[in-house]
């Protein structure tokens, strides 16, 4: 199992792209395309970028106080958590799109 090191400071955030991909049924049904749309949405979120920097700083602090074996376990655990949330983000986006399609974009309870 290859473990990515995420404790280094991430590169400067990309410039903000106000044009997020429009979701359509074709994108929503394609896991990879929907994952890319979700990634782009997340990359355009300023709070998410700030949070990423704080996480990287905290990971670096932990890396400095644990031995190499413990650090490997921490990274594997982090990778599993990130993978879980990435999968959930795609499923939540799909669910939200489908709910909006059923209601034609109207808030629930309105006609």
C-alpha atoms as a PDB file:
ATOM      1  CA  UNK A   1       0.000   0.000   0.000  1.00  0.00           C
ATOM      2  CA  UNK A   2       1.414   3.347  -1.016  1.00  0.00           C
ATOM      3  CA  UNK A   3       0.879   6.116   1.517  1.00  0.00           C
ATOM      4  CA  UNK A   4       0.842   9.720   0.377  1.00  0.00           C
ATOM      5  CA  UNK A   5       2.559  12.241   2.594  1.00  0.00           C
ATOM      6  CA  UNK A   6       0.155  15.081   3.221  1.00  0.00           C
ATOM      7  CA  UNK A   7       1.996  16.810   6.025  1.00  0.00           C
ATOM      8  CA  UNK A   8       3.818  19.177   3.727  1.00  0.00           C
ATOM      9  CA  UNK A   9       2.255  22.543   3.146  1.00  0.00           C
ATOM     10  CA  UNK A  10      -0.024  22.392   0.137  1.00  0.00           C
ATOM     11  CA  UNK A  11       0.842  24.539  -2.860  1.00  0.00           C
ATOM     12  CA  UNK A  12      -0.729  27.948  -3.100  1.00  0.00           C
ATOM     13  CA  UNK A  13      -4.438  27.619  -3.678  1.00  0.00           C
ATOM     14  CA  UNK A  14      -5.520  27.839  -7.298  1.00  0.00           C
ATOM     15  CA  UNK A  15      -7.160  31.052  -8.425  1.00  0.00           C
ATOM     16  CA  UNK A  16     -10.868  31.047  -7.728  1.00  0.00           C
ATOM     17  CA  UNK A  17     -12.983  29.818 -10.610  1.00  0.00           C
ATOM     18  CA  UNK A  18     -16.488  31.192 -10.251  1.00  0.00           C
ATOM     19  CA  UNK A  19     -17.778  28.912 -13.020  1.00  0.00           C
ATOM     20  CA  UNK A  20     -18.551  25.650 -11.324  1.00  0.00           C
ATOM     21  CA  UNK A  21     -19.592  22.806 -13.596  1.00  0.00           C
ATOM     22  CA  UNK A  22     -23.297  22.591 -14.247  1.00  0.00           C
ATOM     23  CA  UNK A  23     -24.591  19.225 -13.200  1.00  0.00           C
ATOM     24  CA  UNK A  24     -26.674  17.248 -15.644  1.00  0.00           C
ATOM     25  CA  UNK A  25     -27.950  13.659 -15.542  1.00  0.00           C
ATOM     26  CA  UNK A  26     -24.963  12.405 -17.557  1.00  0.00           C
ATOM     27  CA  UNK A  27     -22.430  13.858 -15.088  1.00  0.00           C
ATOM     28  CA  UNK A  28     -24.452  12.727 -12.084  1.00  0.00           C
ATOM     29  CA  UNK A  29     -24.531   9.108 -13.274  1.00  0.00           C
ATOM     30  CA  UNK A  30     -20.757   9.013 -13.970  1.00  0.00           C
ATOM     31  CA  UNK A  31     -18.854   8.544 -10.679  1.00  0.00           C
ATOM     32  CA  UNK A  32     -15.619   9.953 -12.103  1.00  0.00           C
ATOM     33  CA  UNK A  33     -17.236  13.007 -13.717  1.00  0.00           C
ATOM     34  CA  UNK A  34     -19.284  13.733 -10.608  1.00  0.00           C
ATOM     35  CA  UNK A  35     -16.173  13.288  -8.453  1.00  0.00           C
ATOM     36  CA  UNK A  36     -14.347  15.838 -10.605  1.00  0.00           C
ATOM     37  CA  UNK A  37     -17.272  18.266 -10.269  1.00  0.00           C
ATOM     38  CA  UNK A  38     -17.266  17.823  -6.483  1.00  0.00           C
ATOM     39  CA  UNK A  39     -13.477  18.319  -6.395  1.00  0.00           C
ATOM     40  CA  UNK A  40     -13.845  21.533  -8.382  1.00  0.00           C
ATOM     41  CA  UNK A  41     -16.573  22.730  -6.025  1.00  0.00           C
ATOM     42  CA  UNK A  42     -14.341  22.010  -3.018  1.00  0.00           C
ATOM     43  CA  UNK A  43     -11.328  23.715  -4.647  1.00  0.00           C
ATOM     44  CA  UNK A  44     -13.440  26.851  -5.078  1.00  0.00           C
ATOM     45  CA  UNK A  45     -14.387  26.958  -1.417  1.00  0.00           C
ATOM     46  CA  UNK A  46     -12.220  29.503   0.485  1.00  0.00           C
ATOM     47  CA  UNK A  47     -13.044  28.012   3.898  1.00  0.00           C
ATOM     48  CA  UNK A  48     -12.031  24.586   2.632  1.00  0.00           C
ATOM     49  CA  UNK A  49      -8.676  25.911   1.442  1.00  0.00           C
ATOM     50  CA  UNK A  50      -8.058  27.557   4.816  1.00  0.00           C
ATOM     51  CA  UNK A  51      -9.001  24.344   6.584  1.00  0.00           C
ATOM     52  CA  UNK A  52      -6.577  22.394   4.368  1.00  0.00           C
ATOM     53  CA  UNK A  53      -3.716  24.650   5.480  1.00  0.00           C
ATOM     54  CA  UNK A  54      -4.630  24.163   9.157  1.00  0.00           C
ATOM     55  CA  UNK A  55      -4.804  20.391   8.685  1.00  0.00           C
ATOM     56  CA  UNK A  56      -1.387  20.332   7.000  1.00  0.00           C
ATOM     57  CA  UNK A  57       0.091  22.331   9.879  1.00  0.00           C
ATOM     58  CA  UNK A  58      -1.414  19.993  12.477  1.00  0.00           C
ATOM     59  CA  UNK A  59      -0.229  16.924  10.571  1.00  0.00           C
ATOM     60  CA  UNK A  60       3.289  18.330  10.512  1.00  0.00           C
ATOM     61  CA  UNK A  61       3.152  18.812  14.282  1.00  0.00           C
ATOM     62  CA  UNK A  62       2.087  15.187  14.790  1.00  0.00           C
ATOM     63  CA  UNK A  63       4.726  13.901  12.349  1.00  0.00           C
ATOM     64  CA  UNK A  64       7.443  15.593  14.389  1.00  0.00           C
ATOM     65  CA  UNK A  65       6.455  13.890  17.640  1.00  0.00           C
ATOM     66  CA  UNK A  66       5.820  10.294  16.519  1.00  0.00           C
ATOM     67  CA  UNK A  67       8.114   7.605  15.174  1.00  0.00           C
ATOM     68  CA  UNK A  68       8.063   6.532  11.505  1.00  0.00           C
ATOM     69  CA  UNK A  69       5.906   3.445  12.131  1.00  0.00           C
ATOM     70  CA  UNK A  70       3.259   5.429  13.986  1.00  0.00           C
ATOM     71  CA  UNK A  71       3.316   8.110  11.293  1.00  0.00           C
ATOM     72  CA  UNK A  72       2.641   5.471   8.625  1.00  0.00           C
ATOM     73  CA  UNK A  73      -0.397   4.257  10.608  1.00  0.00           C
ATOM     74  CA  UNK A  74      -1.629   7.841  11.002  1.00  0.00           C
ATOM     75  CA  UNK A  75      -1.331   8.420   7.239  1.00  0.00           C
ATOM     76  CA  UNK A  76      -3.183   5.205   6.416  1.00  0.00           C
ATOM     77  CA  UNK A  77      -5.961   6.152   8.807  1.00  0.00           C
ATOM     78  CA  UNK A  78      -6.121   9.656   7.306  1.00  0.00           C
ATOM     79  CA  UNK A  79      -6.242   8.206   3.793  1.00  0.00           C
ATOM     80  CA  UNK A  80      -9.171   5.954   4.736  1.00  0.00           C
ATOM     81  CA  UNK A  81     -11.056   8.878   6.301  1.00  0.00           C
ATOM     82  CA  UNK A  82     -10.488  11.088   3.260  1.00  0.00           C
ATOM     83  CA  UNK A  83     -11.573   8.308   0.904  1.00  0.00           C
ATOM     84  CA  UNK A  84     -14.759   7.766   2.931  1.00  0.00           C
ATOM     85  CA  UNK A  85     -15.658  11.467   2.871  1.00  0.00           C
ATOM     86  CA  UNK A  86     -14.836  11.773  -0.838  1.00  0.00           C
ATOM     87  CA  UNK A  87     -17.190   8.897  -1.619  1.00  0.00           C
ATOM     88  CA  UNK A  88     -19.876  10.420   0.602  1.00  0.00           C
ATOM     89  CA  UNK A  89     -19.475  13.844  -1.044  1.00  0.00           C
ATOM     90  CA  UNK A  90     -20.156  12.293  -4.453  1.00  0.00           C
ATOM     91  CA  UNK A  91     -23.194  10.410  -3.149  1.00  0.00           C
ATOM     92  CA  UNK A  92     -24.538  13.536  -1.418  1.00  0.00           C
ATOM     93  CA  UNK A  93     -24.119  15.539  -4.638  1.00  0.00           C
ATOM     94  CA  UNK A  94     -25.950  12.819  -6.570  1.00  0.00           C
ATOM     95  CA  UNK A  95     -28.741  12.694  -3.987  1.00  0.00           C
ATOM     96  CA  UNK A  96     -29.120  16.502  -3.961  1.00  0.00           C
ATOM     97  CA  UNK A  97     -29.221  16.630  -7.766  1.00  0.00           C
ATOM     98  CA  UNK A  98     -31.857  13.910  -7.915  1.00  0.00           C
ATOM     99  CA  UNK A  99     -33.956  15.593  -5.211  1.00  0.00           C
ATOM    100  CA  UNK A 100     -33.782  18.871  -7.144  1.00  0.00           C
ATOM    101  CA  UNK A 101     -34.749  17.088 -10.348  1.00  0.00           C
ATOM    102  CA  UNK A 102     -37.784  15.537  -8.651  1.00  0.00           C
ATOM    103  CA  UNK A 103     -38.971  18.922  -7.367  1.00  0.00           C
ATOM    104  CA  UNK A 104     -37.930  20.858 -10.503  1.00  0.00           C
ATOM    105  CA  UNK A 105     -35.636  22.940  -8.307  1.00  0.00           C
ATOM    106  CA  UNK A 106     -38.465  24.144  -6.057  1.00  0.00           C
ATOM    107  CA  UNK A 107     -37.983  24.054  -2.289  1.00  0.00           C
ATOM    108  CA  UNK A 108     -39.885  21.249  -0.606  1.00  0.00           C
ATOM    109  CA  UNK A 109     -43.415  22.066   0.371  1.00  0.00           C
ATOM    110  CA  UNK A 110     -43.950  24.558  -2.451  1.00  0.00           C
ATOM    111  CA  UNK A 111     -45.993  24.027  -5.579  1.00  0.00           C
END
